[in-house]
Each structure stands twice: as structure tokens, then as C-alpha cells.
Amino acid sequence: LEIQGSVNGNIAAKGNVLVSGNVQGKIQCSNLLIQAGVIQSEIQAGSVVSIKDGAQLTGTISCKDITIAGVVHGDIVASGKVGLAATAVVKGNITAAAMGMEMGAKVSGTMSIA
């Protein structure tokens, strides 16, 4: 499912969701790629979430693995790994099984490796 405009409501997909626009509502899917836009959402992904540089998300994220190069305002819970690029900004708590962080990434919150 590819979203290029604006969605005001919940999104549920069994497969992949690609967002290049604005979304306000809950997103449930297997894999989520946010290329651009402003997202206000609770995200539940069964596998991978990727937030590219230039994308901004406000809300909680629950997934297996996540890579962040954009901005996230909210808590992240990953059963696998979290990867933060040098351009990543996270304002919230991060809980994961493993974490990697490039020099320049910014986190304002707690980080817990469980």
C-alpha cells in the first residue's frame, strides 16, 4: 500500500506500507517505510519500520526492527534492533534487544537494552 497524499484515519495492511505524505491515525502492517511527510500515529509493525531523513513521526512505535534517519517524538519498543543514523532525532524512550547509533544521532529519553 502506497500513500502519497493525506490520510485522516486508521490504516491496516497485511503487507508493506510506504508513506510519502501525511497520516493522522493508527498504522498496522508488516513493514513500514516512511520516506517523507508528517505522521501522527500509533504504529504497530510485525517486522521492520524505516523512517527516512526528512520524515517526522509523532506517536508510539512497536515493531521488531527499526531504522531511523528522521525525527521521532514518542516511545519506541523493538523486540529486535534499533538503528539510529547520524541524522536521527528521537525525543522519547527506546527499549530494544540491540541498538546501534551513528555519531551525530540525538536521543532525549532513556535507552534500555532488554
C-alpha atoms as a PDB file:
ATOM      1  CA  LEU A   1       0.000   0.000   0.000  1.00  0.00           C
ATOM      2  CA  GLU A   2       1.477   3.348  -1.052  1.00  0.00           C
ATOM      3  CA  ILE A   3       0.302   6.637   0.478  1.00  0.00           C
ATOM      4  CA  GLN A   4       1.321   9.848  -1.280  1.00  0.00           C
ATOM      5  CA  GLY A   5      -1.365  12.269  -0.136  1.00  0.00           C
ATOM      6  CA  SER A   6      -3.051  12.813   3.202  1.00  0.00           C
ATOM      7  CA  VAL A   7      -4.933  10.226   5.250  1.00  0.00           C
ATOM      8  CA  ASN A   8      -7.004  11.069   8.297  1.00  0.00           C
ATOM      9  CA  GLY A   9      -7.927   7.670   9.725  1.00  0.00           C
ATOM     10  CA  ASN A  10      -6.542   4.252  10.549  1.00  0.00           C
ATOM     11  CA  ILE A  11      -4.550   2.129   8.101  1.00  0.00           C
ATOM     12  CA  ALA A  12      -4.361  -1.666   8.322  1.00  0.00           C
ATOM     13  CA  ALA A  13      -2.442  -3.780   5.803  1.00  0.00           C
ATOM     14  CA  LYS A  14      -1.155  -7.350   5.858  1.00  0.00           C
ATOM     15  CA  GLY A  15       1.867  -6.424   3.782  1.00  0.00           C
ATOM     16  CA  ASN A  16       4.050  -3.362   3.277  1.00  0.00           C
ATOM     17  CA  VAL A  17       3.047   0.283   3.697  1.00  0.00           C
ATOM     18  CA  LEU A  18       5.028   3.111   2.079  1.00  0.00           C
ATOM     19  CA  VAL A  19       4.236   6.665   3.205  1.00  0.00           C
ATOM     20  CA  SER A  20       5.311   9.786   1.321  1.00  0.00           C
ATOM     21  CA  GLY A  21       2.569  12.053   2.647  1.00  0.00           C
ATOM     22  CA  ASN A  22       0.750  12.923   5.837  1.00  0.00           C
ATOM     23  CA  VAL A  23      -1.077  10.430   8.040  1.00  0.00           C
ATOM     24  CA  GLN A  24      -3.117  11.013  11.164  1.00  0.00           C
ATOM     25  CA  GLY A  25      -4.321   7.703  12.609  1.00  0.00           C
ATOM     26  CA  LYS A  26      -3.148   4.265  13.686  1.00  0.00           C
ATOM     27  CA  ILE A  27      -0.990   2.219  11.267  1.00  0.00           C
ATOM     28  CA  GLN A  28      -0.828  -1.596  11.453  1.00  0.00           C
ATOM     29  CA  CYS A  29       1.258  -3.534   8.912  1.00  0.00           C
ATOM     30  CA  SER A  30       4.149  -5.942   8.382  1.00  0.00           C
ATOM     31  CA  ASN A  31       6.745  -3.455   7.128  1.00  0.00           C
ATOM     32  CA  LEU A  32       6.522   0.333   7.140  1.00  0.00           C
ATOM     33  CA  LEU A  33       8.674   2.750   5.147  1.00  0.00           C
ATOM     34  CA  ILE A  34       8.170   6.440   5.842  1.00  0.00           C
ATOM     35  CA  GLN A  35      10.003   8.353   3.122  1.00  0.00           C
ATOM     36  CA  ALA A  36       8.668  11.840   3.806  1.00  0.00           C
ATOM     37  CA  GLY A  37       5.822  13.686   5.445  1.00  0.00           C
ATOM     38  CA  VAL A  38       4.390  14.278   8.881  1.00  0.00           C
ATOM     39  CA  ILE A  39       2.874  11.278  10.645  1.00  0.00           C
ATOM     40  CA  GLN A  40       0.794  11.428  13.843  1.00  0.00           C
ATOM     41  CA  SER A  41       0.157   7.809  14.661  1.00  0.00           C
ATOM     42  CA  GLU A  42       0.452   4.772  16.845  1.00  0.00           C
ATOM     43  CA  ILE A  43       2.444   2.277  14.781  1.00  0.00           C
ATOM     44  CA  GLN A  44       2.323  -1.495  15.146  1.00  0.00           C
ATOM     45  CA  ALA A  45       4.533  -3.292  12.635  1.00  0.00           C
ATOM     46  CA  GLY A  46       5.144  -7.033  12.670  1.00  0.00           C
ATOM     47  CA  SER A  47       8.603  -6.673  11.209  1.00  0.00           C
ATOM     48  CA  VAL A  48      10.567  -3.610  10.038  1.00  0.00           C
ATOM     49  CA  VAL A  49       9.966   0.144  10.335  1.00  0.00           C
ATOM     50  CA  SER A  50      12.192   2.581   8.435  1.00  0.00           C
ATOM     51  CA  ILE A  51      11.942   6.351   8.895  1.00  0.00           C
ATOM     52  CA  LYS A  52      13.973   8.268   6.328  1.00  0.00           C
ATOM     53  CA  ASP A  53      15.694  11.634   6.719  1.00  0.00           C
ATOM     54  CA  GLY A  54      13.127  14.407   6.289  1.00  0.00           C
ATOM     55  CA  ALA A  55      10.235  12.392   7.745  1.00  0.00           C
ATOM     56  CA  GLN A  56       8.705  13.320  11.087  1.00  0.00           C
ATOM     57  CA  LEU A  57       6.642  10.998  13.282  1.00  0.00           C
ATOM     58  CA  THR A  58       4.775  11.785  16.489  1.00  0.00           C
ATOM     59  CA  GLY A  59       3.448   8.748  18.350  1.00  0.00           C
ATOM     60  CA  THR A  60       4.422   5.359  19.738  1.00  0.00           C
ATOM     61  CA  ILE A  61       6.112   2.633  17.703  1.00  0.00           C
ATOM     62  CA  SER A  62       6.022  -1.115  18.340  1.00  0.00           C
ATOM     63  CA  CYS A  63       7.946  -3.359  15.917  1.00  0.00           C
ATOM     64  CA  LYS A  64      10.658  -5.972  15.515  1.00  0.00           C
ATOM     65  CA  ASP A  65      13.419  -3.823  13.961  1.00  0.00           C
ATOM     66  CA  ILE A  66      13.571  -0.093  13.227  1.00  0.00           C
ATOM     67  CA  THR A  67      15.995   2.238  11.462  1.00  0.00           C
ATOM     68  CA  ILE A  68      15.602   5.972  11.976  1.00  0.00           C
ATOM     69  CA  ALA A  69      17.173   8.790   9.977  1.00  0.00           C
ATOM     70  CA  GLY A  70      14.337  11.290  10.552  1.00  0.00           C
ATOM     71  CA  VAL A  71      12.605  12.717  13.637  1.00  0.00           C
ATOM     72  CA  VAL A  72      10.528  10.714  16.134  1.00  0.00           C
ATOM     73  CA  HIS A  73       8.595  12.214  19.055  1.00  0.00           C
ATOM     74  CA  GLY A  74       7.400   9.241  21.099  1.00  0.00           C
ATOM     75  CA  ASP A  75       8.391   5.947  22.667  1.00  0.00           C
ATOM     76  CA  ILE A  76       9.834   3.047  20.667  1.00  0.00           C
ATOM     77  CA  VAL A  77       9.631  -0.627  21.642  1.00  0.00           C
ATOM     78  CA  ALA A  78      11.518  -3.018  19.349  1.00  0.00           C
ATOM     79  CA  SER A  79      11.771  -6.744  20.018  1.00  0.00           C
ATOM     80  CA  GLY A  80      14.861  -6.805  17.790  1.00  0.00           C
ATOM     81  CA  LYS A  81      17.227  -3.970  16.965  1.00  0.00           C
ATOM     82  CA  VAL A  82      17.126  -0.188  16.705  1.00  0.00           C
ATOM     83  CA  GLY A  83      19.446   1.628  14.306  1.00  0.00           C
ATOM     84  CA  LEU A  84      19.903   5.389  14.538  1.00  0.00           C
ATOM     85  CA  ALA A  85      21.535   7.216  11.625  1.00  0.00           C
ATOM     86  CA  ALA A  86      23.587  10.367  12.164  1.00  0.00           C
ATOM     87  CA  THR A  87      20.564  12.482  11.168  1.00  0.00           C
ATOM     88  CA  ALA A  88      18.169  10.776  13.628  1.00  0.00           C
ATOM     89  CA  VAL A  89      16.436  12.753  16.374  1.00  0.00           C
ATOM     90  CA  VAL A  90      14.418  10.796  18.953  1.00  0.00           C
ATOM     91  CA  LYS A  91      12.519  12.513  21.759  1.00  0.00           C
ATOM     92  CA  GLY A  92      11.210   9.568  23.755  1.00  0.00           C
ATOM     93  CA  ASN A  93      12.208   6.330  25.408  1.00  0.00           C
ATOM     94  CA  ILE A  94      13.724   3.439  23.462  1.00  0.00           C
ATOM     95  CA  THR A  95      13.500  -0.215  24.508  1.00  0.00           C
ATOM     96  CA  ALA A  96      15.150  -2.846  22.291  1.00  0.00           C
ATOM     97  CA  ALA A  97      17.100  -6.098  22.290  1.00  0.00           C
ATOM     98  CA  ALA A  98      20.028  -4.408  20.480  1.00  0.00           C
ATOM     99  CA  MET A  99      20.927  -0.895  19.392  1.00  0.00           C
ATOM    100  CA  GLY A 100      23.334   0.815  17.029  1.00  0.00           C
ATOM    101  CA  MET A 101      23.835   4.579  16.912  1.00  0.00           C
ATOM    102  CA  GLU A 102      25.890   6.647  14.478  1.00  0.00           C
ATOM    103  CA  MET A 103      27.806   9.679  15.678  1.00  0.00           C
ATOM    104  CA  GLY A 104      25.530  12.717  15.421  1.00  0.00           C
ATOM    105  CA  ALA A 105      22.266  10.954  16.298  1.00  0.00           C
ATOM    106  CA  LYS A 106      20.344  12.673  19.087  1.00  0.00           C
ATOM    107  CA  VAL A 107      18.229  10.970  21.769  1.00  0.00           C
ATOM    108  CA  SER A 108      16.335  12.762  24.515  1.00  0.00           C
ATOM    109  CA  GLY A 109      14.946   9.998  26.734  1.00  0.00           C
ATOM    110  CA  THR A 110      16.001   6.696  28.222  1.00  0.00           C
ATOM    111  CA  MET A 111      17.541   3.813  26.270  1.00  0.00           C
ATOM    112  CA  SER A 112      17.041   0.304  27.592  1.00  0.00           C
ATOM    113  CA  ILE A 113      18.538  -2.866  26.140  1.00  0.00           C
ATOM    114  CA  ALA A 114      16.403  -5.743  27.381  1.00  0.00           C
END
